[in-house]
Amino acid sequence: MISSDDIVHRLLRENEDVKSALVERLGEGILDEAGQIDRSAVGAIVFSDRDALTWLEGLLHPLVVIEYLAWREALADEESPPKLTVTEVPLLYEVGGETRFDAVVVVTAPLALRKARRNSAIQPREARLLSDREKIRRADFSYVNDGSLAELDAFVAGVVEELSSPVPM
């Protein structure tokens, strides 16, 4: 599995072009004591400034897409490629990325539960997302994750089984 969040975090840590662009646009205040990008400082700026958020997404999203598509291609080129790959993309529908995938699985949870599970402010981030109802409507598979880990595991296993099965001719 590859996660777009993990790619973004790595780009912020390792990509000097990204770092330079961020400092130029958002200022030196986004750097921590070690001179690295402080994601909290960036978040504080962009989630209160729609133009800055749009700019940041325009900078990062194309790089994220390049990376996850390259990862899938590398796996497909292996001698024994996996039957299934998973790419976690929290803003999939918001950036129009669903066309890059054969199937979309949405896992959501009620807002109160998401707030309880999260360590940072949720409202500025949630406000720009499609509703859960809309995501579920568009998805090939969906699950409301308000139960046990065993129930979630059973859902995932069922999806994996269905997607890994040969397609009848």
N, C-alpha and C. Protein backbone atom coordinates (compact mmCIF):
# COMPACT_ATOMS: atom_id res chain seq x y z
N MET A 1 0.83 -1.17 0.00
CA MET A 1 0.00 0.00 0.00
C MET A 1 0.88 1.24 0.00
N ILE A 2 0.39 2.24 -0.69
CA ILE A 2 1.06 3.54 -0.68
C ILE A 2 0.02 4.58 -0.26
N SER A 3 0.47 5.55 0.50
CA SER A 3 -0.42 6.59 1.01
C SER A 3 0.01 7.94 0.47
N SER A 4 -0.95 8.69 -0.06
CA SER A 4 -0.61 10.03 -0.55
C SER A 4 -0.14 10.92 0.59
N ASP A 5 -0.67 10.71 1.80
CA ASP A 5 -0.19 11.49 2.95
C ASP A 5 1.29 11.20 3.21
N ASP A 6 1.68 9.93 3.12
CA ASP A 6 3.08 9.58 3.33
C ASP A 6 3.96 10.22 2.26
N ILE A 7 3.48 10.25 1.03
CA ILE A 7 4.24 10.89 -0.05
C ILE A 7 4.39 12.38 0.24
N VAL A 8 3.31 13.03 0.64
CA VAL A 8 3.37 14.46 0.95
C VAL A 8 4.37 14.70 2.08
N HIS A 9 4.31 13.92 3.13
CA HIS A 9 5.24 14.10 4.25
C HIS A 9 6.68 13.95 3.79
N ARG A 10 6.94 12.97 2.94
CA ARG A 10 8.30 12.78 2.43
C ARG A 10 8.73 13.94 1.54
N LEU A 11 7.83 14.41 0.67
CA LEU A 11 8.16 15.56 -0.17
C LEU A 11 8.52 16.78 0.68
N LEU A 12 7.77 17.00 1.74
CA LEU A 12 8.05 18.14 2.62
C LEU A 12 9.39 17.98 3.33
N ARG A 13 9.78 16.74 3.63
CA ARG A 13 11.06 16.48 4.31
C ARG A 13 12.24 16.50 3.36
N GLU A 14 12.06 15.97 2.14
CA GLU A 14 13.21 15.64 1.31
C GLU A 14 13.34 16.43 0.01
N ASN A 15 12.28 17.00 -0.49
CA ASN A 15 12.33 17.65 -1.80
C ASN A 15 12.71 19.12 -1.63
N GLU A 16 13.91 19.46 -2.03
CA GLU A 16 14.41 20.84 -1.85
C GLU A 16 13.61 21.85 -2.67
N ASP A 17 13.14 21.45 -3.85
CA ASP A 17 12.32 22.37 -4.65
C ASP A 17 11.01 22.70 -3.94
N VAL A 18 10.41 21.69 -3.33
CA VAL A 18 9.17 21.91 -2.57
C VAL A 18 9.45 22.83 -1.39
N LYS A 19 10.51 22.53 -0.65
CA LYS A 19 10.87 23.35 0.51
C LYS A 19 11.11 24.80 0.10
N SER A 20 11.87 25.01 -0.96
CA SER A 20 12.16 26.37 -1.42
C SER A 20 10.88 27.11 -1.82
N ALA A 21 10.01 26.43 -2.54
CA ALA A 21 8.75 27.05 -2.97
C ALA A 21 7.89 27.42 -1.77
N LEU A 22 7.84 26.54 -0.78
CA LEU A 22 7.05 26.81 0.42
C LEU A 22 7.59 28.01 1.19
N VAL A 23 8.90 28.06 1.39
CA VAL A 23 9.50 29.17 2.12
C VAL A 23 9.30 30.47 1.35
N GLU A 24 9.44 30.42 0.04
CA GLU A 24 9.25 31.63 -0.77
C GLU A 24 7.81 32.14 -0.64
N ARG A 25 6.85 31.23 -0.68
CA ARG A 25 5.44 31.62 -0.64
C ARG A 25 4.94 31.94 0.78
N LEU A 26 5.34 31.10 1.76
CA LEU A 26 4.76 31.21 3.10
C LEU A 26 5.68 31.84 4.14
N GLY A 27 6.97 31.97 3.82
CA GLY A 27 7.90 32.63 4.73
C GLY A 27 8.71 31.67 5.58
N GLU A 28 9.76 32.21 6.18
CA GLU A 28 10.68 31.43 7.01
C GLU A 28 10.02 30.88 8.27
N GLY A 29 8.89 31.44 8.66
CA GLY A 29 8.20 30.99 9.87
C GLY A 29 7.67 29.58 9.79
N ILE A 30 7.70 28.98 8.62
CA ILE A 30 7.22 27.59 8.48
C ILE A 30 8.33 26.58 8.74
N LEU A 31 9.54 27.07 9.05
CA LEU A 31 10.65 26.18 9.32
C LEU A 31 10.79 25.97 10.83
N ASP A 32 11.13 24.74 11.21
CA ASP A 32 11.38 24.47 12.63
C ASP A 32 12.81 24.84 12.98
N GLU A 33 13.23 24.55 14.20
CA GLU A 33 14.57 24.92 14.66
C GLU A 33 15.68 24.25 13.85
N ALA A 34 15.38 23.09 13.26
CA ALA A 34 16.37 22.37 12.46
C ALA A 34 16.35 22.79 11.00
N GLY A 35 15.48 23.76 10.66
CA GLY A 35 15.40 24.21 9.28
C GLY A 35 14.53 23.34 8.40
N GLN A 36 13.76 22.46 9.01
CA GLN A 36 12.86 21.59 8.25
C GLN A 36 11.46 22.21 8.23
N ILE A 37 10.65 21.77 7.26
CA ILE A 37 9.28 22.25 7.16
C ILE A 37 8.50 21.78 8.39
N ASP A 38 7.86 22.70 9.06
CA ASP A 38 6.98 22.40 10.19
C ASP A 38 5.57 22.30 9.63
N ARG A 39 5.06 21.06 9.50
CA ARG A 39 3.75 20.84 8.88
C ARG A 39 2.64 21.55 9.64
N SER A 40 2.76 21.65 10.95
CA SER A 40 1.73 22.35 11.73
C SER A 40 1.70 23.83 11.37
N ALA A 41 2.87 24.41 11.19
CA ALA A 41 2.94 25.83 10.82
C ALA A 41 2.35 26.05 9.42
N VAL A 42 2.66 25.15 8.52
CA VAL A 42 2.09 25.23 7.16
C VAL A 42 0.57 25.09 7.24
N GLY A 43 0.10 24.09 7.98
CA GLY A 43 -1.34 23.87 8.13
C GLY A 43 -2.05 25.07 8.70
N ALA A 44 -1.46 25.70 9.70
CA ALA A 44 -2.07 26.88 10.31
C ALA A 44 -2.28 27.98 9.29
N ILE A 45 -1.36 28.10 8.36
CA ILE A 45 -1.48 29.13 7.32
C ILE A 45 -2.50 28.73 6.26
N VAL A 46 -2.31 27.55 5.68
CA VAL A 46 -3.11 27.20 4.51
C VAL A 46 -4.56 26.87 4.82
N PHE A 47 -4.83 26.38 6.03
CA PHE A 47 -6.23 26.06 6.34
C PHE A 47 -7.02 27.29 6.77
N SER A 48 -6.34 28.42 6.84
CA SER A 48 -7.07 29.67 7.10
C SER A 48 -6.98 30.62 5.91
N ASP A 49 -6.35 30.18 4.83
CA ASP A 49 -6.18 31.02 3.64
C ASP A 49 -6.41 30.14 2.41
N ARG A 50 -7.60 30.24 1.85
CA ARG A 50 -7.99 29.37 0.72
C ARG A 50 -7.03 29.50 -0.46
N ASP A 51 -6.55 30.70 -0.76
CA ASP A 51 -5.61 30.86 -1.87
C ASP A 51 -4.30 30.13 -1.61
N ALA A 52 -3.82 30.20 -0.37
CA ALA A 52 -2.58 29.50 -0.03
C ALA A 52 -2.78 27.99 -0.11
N LEU A 53 -3.94 27.52 0.31
CA LEU A 53 -4.23 26.08 0.23
C LEU A 53 -4.30 25.62 -1.22
N THR A 54 -4.96 26.40 -2.05
CA THR A 54 -5.05 26.06 -3.48
C THR A 54 -3.66 26.03 -4.10
N TRP A 55 -2.83 26.99 -3.75
CA TRP A 55 -1.46 27.02 -4.26
C TRP A 55 -0.68 25.78 -3.81
N LEU A 56 -0.79 25.45 -2.51
CA LEU A 56 -0.07 24.29 -1.97
C LEU A 56 -0.52 23.00 -2.64
N GLU A 57 -1.82 22.84 -2.81
CA GLU A 57 -2.33 21.65 -3.48
C GLU A 57 -1.83 21.59 -4.93
N GLY A 58 -1.77 22.73 -5.59
CA GLY A 58 -1.24 22.77 -6.96
C GLY A 58 0.22 22.39 -7.03
N LEU A 59 0.96 22.70 -5.98
CA LEU A 59 2.37 22.32 -5.91
C LEU A 59 2.53 20.83 -5.64
N LEU A 60 1.79 20.33 -4.65
CA LEU A 60 2.02 18.96 -4.18
C LEU A 60 1.27 17.88 -4.94
N HIS A 61 0.03 18.11 -5.29
CA HIS A 61 -0.78 17.03 -5.88
C HIS A 61 -0.17 16.44 -7.15
N PRO A 62 0.32 17.23 -8.09
CA PRO A 62 0.93 16.59 -9.27
C PRO A 62 2.13 15.70 -8.91
N LEU A 63 2.92 16.12 -7.94
CA LEU A 63 4.07 15.31 -7.52
C LEU A 63 3.61 14.01 -6.85
N VAL A 64 2.56 14.08 -6.07
CA VAL A 64 2.01 12.89 -5.43
C VAL A 64 1.50 11.91 -6.48
N VAL A 65 0.77 12.41 -7.45
CA VAL A 65 0.23 11.55 -8.51
C VAL A 65 1.37 10.86 -9.27
N ILE A 66 2.39 11.61 -9.62
CA ILE A 66 3.55 11.03 -10.32
C ILE A 66 4.12 9.87 -9.52
N GLU A 67 4.26 10.06 -8.22
CA GLU A 67 4.86 9.03 -7.38
C GLU A 67 3.99 7.79 -7.26
N TYR A 68 2.69 7.97 -7.01
CA TYR A 68 1.89 6.74 -6.84
C TYR A 68 1.67 6.03 -8.15
N LEU A 69 1.62 6.75 -9.27
CA LEU A 69 1.51 6.06 -10.55
C LEU A 69 2.81 5.32 -10.89
N ALA A 70 3.95 5.91 -10.57
CA ALA A 70 5.24 5.24 -10.80
C ALA A 70 5.34 3.98 -9.93
N TRP A 71 4.87 4.07 -8.69
CA TRP A 71 4.87 2.91 -7.80
C TRP A 71 4.03 1.78 -8.38
N ARG A 72 2.84 2.10 -8.86
CA ARG A 72 1.97 1.07 -9.47
C ARG A 72 2.62 0.47 -10.71
N GLU A 73 3.21 1.32 -11.55
CA GLU A 73 3.87 0.81 -12.76
C GLU A 73 5.04 -0.11 -12.41
N ALA A 74 5.81 0.27 -11.40
CA ALA A 74 6.94 -0.57 -10.98
C ALA A 74 6.45 -1.93 -10.50
N LEU A 75 5.36 -1.94 -9.76
CA LEU A 75 4.80 -3.22 -9.31
C LEU A 75 4.28 -4.04 -10.48
N ALA A 76 3.64 -3.38 -11.43
CA ALA A 76 3.09 -4.08 -12.60
C ALA A 76 4.20 -4.69 -13.45
N ASP A 77 5.38 -4.09 -13.42
CA ASP A 77 6.50 -4.58 -14.22
C ASP A 77 7.26 -5.74 -13.56
N GLU A 78 6.93 -6.05 -12.32
CA GLU A 78 7.60 -7.16 -11.64
C GLU A 78 7.27 -8.48 -12.31
N GLU A 79 8.14 -9.46 -12.14
CA GLU A 79 7.92 -10.78 -12.72
C GLU A 79 6.61 -11.39 -12.23
N SER A 80 6.30 -11.23 -10.97
CA SER A 80 5.04 -11.71 -10.40
C SER A 80 4.33 -10.53 -9.74
N PRO A 81 3.67 -9.72 -10.53
CA PRO A 81 3.03 -8.53 -9.95
C PRO A 81 1.88 -8.90 -9.03
N PRO A 82 1.61 -8.07 -8.06
CA PRO A 82 0.47 -8.36 -7.18
C PRO A 82 -0.84 -8.25 -7.95
N LYS A 83 -1.84 -9.00 -7.49
CA LYS A 83 -3.16 -8.94 -8.12
C LYS A 83 -3.84 -7.61 -7.82
N LEU A 84 -3.44 -7.00 -6.74
CA LEU A 84 -4.14 -5.82 -6.25
C LEU A 84 -3.14 -4.88 -5.61
N THR A 85 -3.30 -3.59 -5.86
CA THR A 85 -2.53 -2.58 -5.14
C THR A 85 -3.52 -1.62 -4.49
N VAL A 86 -3.09 -1.01 -3.41
CA VAL A 86 -3.93 -0.08 -2.68
C VAL A 86 -3.22 1.25 -2.57
N THR A 87 -3.92 2.30 -2.93
CA THR A 87 -3.40 3.65 -2.81
C THR A 87 -4.38 4.45 -1.96
N GLU A 88 -3.91 4.96 -0.85
CA GLU A 88 -4.76 5.76 0.03
C GLU A 88 -4.67 7.22 -0.41
N VAL A 89 -5.80 7.78 -0.79
CA VAL A 89 -5.85 9.16 -1.28
C VAL A 89 -7.01 9.88 -0.60
N PRO A 90 -6.76 10.58 0.51
CA PRO A 90 -7.84 11.24 1.23
C PRO A 90 -8.64 12.25 0.41
N LEU A 91 -8.02 12.93 -0.53
CA LEU A 91 -8.70 13.94 -1.34
C LEU A 91 -9.00 13.43 -2.75
N LEU A 92 -9.22 12.15 -2.88
CA LEU A 92 -9.39 11.53 -4.19
C LEU A 92 -10.44 12.23 -5.04
N TYR A 93 -11.65 12.36 -4.54
CA TYR A 93 -12.72 12.97 -5.31
C TYR A 93 -12.51 14.47 -5.46
N GLU A 94 -11.99 15.10 -4.43
CA GLU A 94 -11.81 16.55 -4.45
C GLU A 94 -10.82 16.99 -5.53
N VAL A 95 -9.86 16.12 -5.88
CA VAL A 95 -8.89 16.46 -6.93
C VAL A 95 -9.17 15.76 -8.25
N GLY A 96 -10.31 15.07 -8.33
CA GLY A 96 -10.67 14.39 -9.57
C GLY A 96 -9.82 13.18 -9.88
N GLY A 97 -9.24 12.56 -8.86
CA GLY A 97 -8.33 11.45 -9.06
C GLY A 97 -8.95 10.09 -9.22
N GLU A 98 -10.26 9.99 -9.05
CA GLU A 98 -10.90 8.67 -9.09
C GLU A 98 -10.75 7.97 -10.43
N THR A 99 -10.54 8.70 -11.50
CA THR A 99 -10.41 8.09 -12.83
C THR A 99 -9.10 7.32 -12.99
N ARG A 100 -8.17 7.49 -12.06
CA ARG A 100 -6.88 6.79 -12.13
C ARG A 100 -6.94 5.39 -11.53
N PHE A 101 -8.11 4.97 -11.06
CA PHE A 101 -8.22 3.71 -10.33
C PHE A 101 -9.33 2.85 -10.90
N ASP A 102 -9.13 1.54 -10.81
CA ASP A 102 -10.13 0.60 -11.28
C ASP A 102 -11.33 0.51 -10.34
N ALA A 103 -11.09 0.72 -9.06
CA ALA A 103 -12.16 0.68 -8.05
C ALA A 103 -11.81 1.65 -6.94
N VAL A 104 -12.84 2.18 -6.33
CA VAL A 104 -12.66 3.09 -5.20
C VAL A 104 -13.38 2.53 -3.98
N VAL A 105 -12.67 2.50 -2.88
CA VAL A 105 -13.21 2.05 -1.60
C VAL A 105 -13.20 3.27 -0.67
N VAL A 106 -14.34 3.58 -0.11
CA VAL A 106 -14.45 4.68 0.85
C VAL A 106 -14.68 4.09 2.23
N VAL A 107 -13.83 4.48 3.17
CA VAL A 107 -14.03 4.14 4.57
C VAL A 107 -14.19 5.46 5.30
N THR A 108 -15.30 5.60 5.98
CA THR A 108 -15.59 6.83 6.69
C THR A 108 -16.04 6.50 8.11
N ALA A 109 -16.29 7.54 8.86
CA ALA A 109 -16.81 7.38 10.22
C ALA A 109 -17.61 8.63 10.55
N PRO A 110 -18.53 8.55 11.48
CA PRO A 110 -19.28 9.74 11.88
C PRO A 110 -18.33 10.84 12.36
N LEU A 111 -18.72 12.10 12.14
CA LEU A 111 -17.88 13.24 12.47
C LEU A 111 -17.41 13.22 13.93
N ALA A 112 -18.30 12.93 14.85
CA ALA A 112 -17.92 12.91 16.27
C ALA A 112 -16.82 11.89 16.53
N LEU A 113 -16.89 10.75 15.87
CA LEU A 113 -15.87 9.72 16.04
C LEU A 113 -14.55 10.14 15.39
N ARG A 114 -14.63 10.78 14.22
CA ARG A 114 -13.40 11.29 13.58
C ARG A 114 -12.72 12.32 14.47
N LYS A 115 -13.51 13.20 15.08
CA LYS A 115 -12.94 14.21 15.98
C LYS A 115 -12.25 13.54 17.16
N ALA A 116 -12.86 12.51 17.71
CA ALA A 116 -12.29 11.82 18.86
C ALA A 116 -10.98 11.10 18.49
N ARG A 117 -10.87 10.64 17.27
CA ARG A 117 -9.70 9.88 16.83
C ARG A 117 -8.54 10.78 16.39
N ARG A 118 -8.82 12.02 16.12
CA ARG A 118 -7.82 12.93 15.55
C ARG A 118 -7.12 13.74 16.63
N ASN A 119 -5.85 14.01 16.42
CA ASN A 119 -5.08 14.79 17.39
C ASN A 119 -5.02 16.28 17.05
N SER A 120 -5.54 16.68 15.91
CA SER A 120 -5.47 18.08 15.51
C SER A 120 -6.86 18.56 15.10
N ALA A 121 -6.95 19.85 14.86
CA ALA A 121 -8.24 20.45 14.50
C ALA A 121 -8.78 19.79 13.24
N ILE A 122 -10.06 19.51 13.25
CA ILE A 122 -10.67 18.81 12.12
C ILE A 122 -11.49 19.76 11.25
N GLN A 123 -12.09 20.77 11.82
CA GLN A 123 -13.05 21.60 11.10
C GLN A 123 -12.48 22.28 9.85
N PRO A 124 -11.34 22.98 9.90
CA PRO A 124 -10.88 23.63 8.67
C PRO A 124 -10.62 22.64 7.55
N ARG A 125 -10.19 21.45 7.89
CA ARG A 125 -9.90 20.43 6.89
C ARG A 125 -11.18 19.82 6.33
N GLU A 126 -12.13 19.57 7.21
CA GLU A 126 -13.39 18.94 6.81
C GLU A 126 -14.24 19.83 5.91
N ALA A 127 -14.17 21.12 6.13
CA ALA A 127 -15.07 22.06 5.44
C ALA A 127 -14.92 22.00 3.92
N ARG A 128 -13.78 21.62 3.43
CA ARG A 128 -13.55 21.62 1.98
C ARG A 128 -13.77 20.26 1.33
N LEU A 129 -14.15 19.27 2.12
CA LEU A 129 -14.31 17.91 1.61
C LEU A 129 -15.73 17.67 1.11
N LEU A 130 -15.84 16.75 0.17
CA LEU A 130 -17.16 16.28 -0.23
C LEU A 130 -17.81 15.60 0.97
N SER A 131 -19.10 15.58 1.00
CA SER A 131 -19.80 14.91 2.10
C SER A 131 -19.55 13.40 2.02
N ASP A 132 -19.65 12.77 3.18
CA ASP A 132 -19.53 11.30 3.21
C ASP A 132 -20.58 10.67 2.31
N ARG A 133 -21.78 11.21 2.34
CA ARG A 133 -22.87 10.68 1.52
C ARG A 133 -22.48 10.69 0.04
N GLU A 134 -21.89 11.79 -0.42
CA GLU A 134 -21.49 11.89 -1.83
C GLU A 134 -20.34 10.92 -2.15
N LYS A 135 -19.38 10.82 -1.25
CA LYS A 135 -18.27 9.89 -1.48
C LYS A 135 -18.79 8.45 -1.57
N ILE A 136 -19.69 8.11 -0.65
CA ILE A 136 -20.26 6.75 -0.65
C ILE A 136 -21.05 6.51 -1.93
N ARG A 137 -21.78 7.50 -2.38
CA ARG A 137 -22.55 7.36 -3.62
C ARG A 137 -21.64 7.07 -4.81
N ARG A 138 -20.49 7.70 -4.85
CA ARG A 138 -19.57 7.54 -5.98
C ARG A 138 -18.71 6.27 -5.89
N ALA A 139 -18.52 5.75 -4.72
CA ALA A 139 -17.58 4.64 -4.49
C ALA A 139 -18.12 3.32 -5.00
N ASP A 140 -17.20 2.42 -5.29
CA ASP A 140 -17.55 1.05 -5.65
C ASP A 140 -17.83 0.22 -4.40
N PHE A 141 -17.16 0.55 -3.31
CA PHE A 141 -17.32 -0.12 -2.03
C PHE A 141 -17.28 0.96 -0.95
N SER A 142 -18.06 0.77 0.10
CA SER A 142 -18.01 1.75 1.19
C SER A 142 -18.25 1.05 2.52
N TYR A 143 -17.73 1.67 3.56
CA TYR A 143 -17.85 1.13 4.90
C TYR A 143 -17.86 2.28 5.89
N VAL A 144 -18.80 2.25 6.83
CA VAL A 144 -18.83 3.22 7.92
C VAL A 144 -18.10 2.58 9.09
N ASN A 145 -16.94 3.11 9.40
CA ASN A 145 -16.05 2.53 10.40
C ASN A 145 -16.39 3.03 11.80
N ASP A 146 -17.49 2.50 12.34
CA ASP A 146 -17.89 2.89 13.68
C ASP A 146 -18.01 1.67 14.60
N GLY A 147 -17.44 0.57 14.14
CA GLY A 147 -17.51 -0.67 14.92
C GLY A 147 -16.13 -1.12 15.36
N SER A 148 -15.98 -2.42 15.44
CA SER A 148 -14.73 -3.00 15.93
C SER A 148 -13.70 -3.12 14.80
N LEU A 149 -12.47 -3.31 15.22
CA LEU A 149 -11.39 -3.55 14.26
C LEU A 149 -11.64 -4.85 13.49
N ALA A 150 -12.20 -5.83 14.15
CA ALA A 150 -12.51 -7.11 13.49
C ALA A 150 -13.54 -6.90 12.37
N GLU A 151 -14.52 -6.04 12.61
CA GLU A 151 -15.53 -5.76 11.57
C GLU A 151 -14.91 -5.04 10.38
N LEU A 152 -14.02 -4.10 10.66
CA LEU A 152 -13.32 -3.41 9.58
C LEU A 152 -12.45 -4.40 8.80
N ASP A 153 -11.72 -5.24 9.51
CA ASP A 153 -10.88 -6.25 8.86
C ASP A 153 -11.72 -7.16 7.97
N ALA A 154 -12.90 -7.56 8.43
CA ALA A 154 -13.77 -8.44 7.64
C ALA A 154 -14.23 -7.72 6.37
N PHE A 155 -14.58 -6.44 6.48
CA PHE A 155 -14.96 -5.67 5.29
C PHE A 155 -13.81 -5.62 4.29
N VAL A 156 -12.63 -5.27 4.78
CA VAL A 156 -11.45 -5.17 3.91
C VAL A 156 -11.16 -6.51 3.25
N ALA A 157 -11.22 -7.59 4.00
CA ALA A 157 -10.97 -8.93 3.45
C ALA A 157 -11.97 -9.25 2.34
N GLY A 158 -13.22 -8.89 2.54
CA GLY A 158 -14.24 -9.13 1.51
C GLY A 158 -13.97 -8.33 0.24
N VAL A 159 -13.56 -7.09 0.39
CA VAL A 159 -13.24 -6.26 -0.77
C VAL A 159 -12.03 -6.83 -1.50
N VAL A 160 -11.00 -7.18 -0.75
CA VAL A 160 -9.79 -7.75 -1.36
C VAL A 160 -10.14 -9.03 -2.11
N GLU A 161 -10.96 -9.88 -1.51
CA GLU A 161 -11.35 -11.12 -2.17
C GLU A 161 -12.09 -10.83 -3.47
N GLU A 162 -13.03 -9.91 -3.42
CA GLU A 162 -13.82 -9.60 -4.62
C GLU A 162 -12.93 -8.98 -5.71
N LEU A 163 -12.07 -8.06 -5.34
CA LEU A 163 -11.22 -7.40 -6.34
C LEU A 163 -10.11 -8.30 -6.87
N SER A 164 -9.73 -9.31 -6.10
CA SER A 164 -8.67 -10.22 -6.54
C SER A 164 -9.18 -11.39 -7.37
N SER A 165 -10.48 -11.58 -7.37
CA SER A 165 -11.06 -12.69 -8.11
C SER A 165 -10.99 -12.41 -9.61
N PRO A 166 -10.80 -13.47 -10.39
CA PRO A 166 -10.78 -13.28 -11.84
C PRO A 166 -12.14 -12.75 -12.32
N VAL A 167 -12.09 -11.90 -13.31
CA VAL A 167 -13.31 -11.35 -13.89
C VAL A 167 -13.89 -12.37 -14.86
N PRO A 168 -15.18 -12.76 -14.70
CA PRO A 168 -15.76 -13.74 -15.63
C PRO A 168 -15.88 -13.14 -17.04
N MET A 169 -15.70 -13.98 -18.01
CA MET A 169 -15.78 -13.52 -19.41
C MET A 169 -17.14 -13.68 -19.95
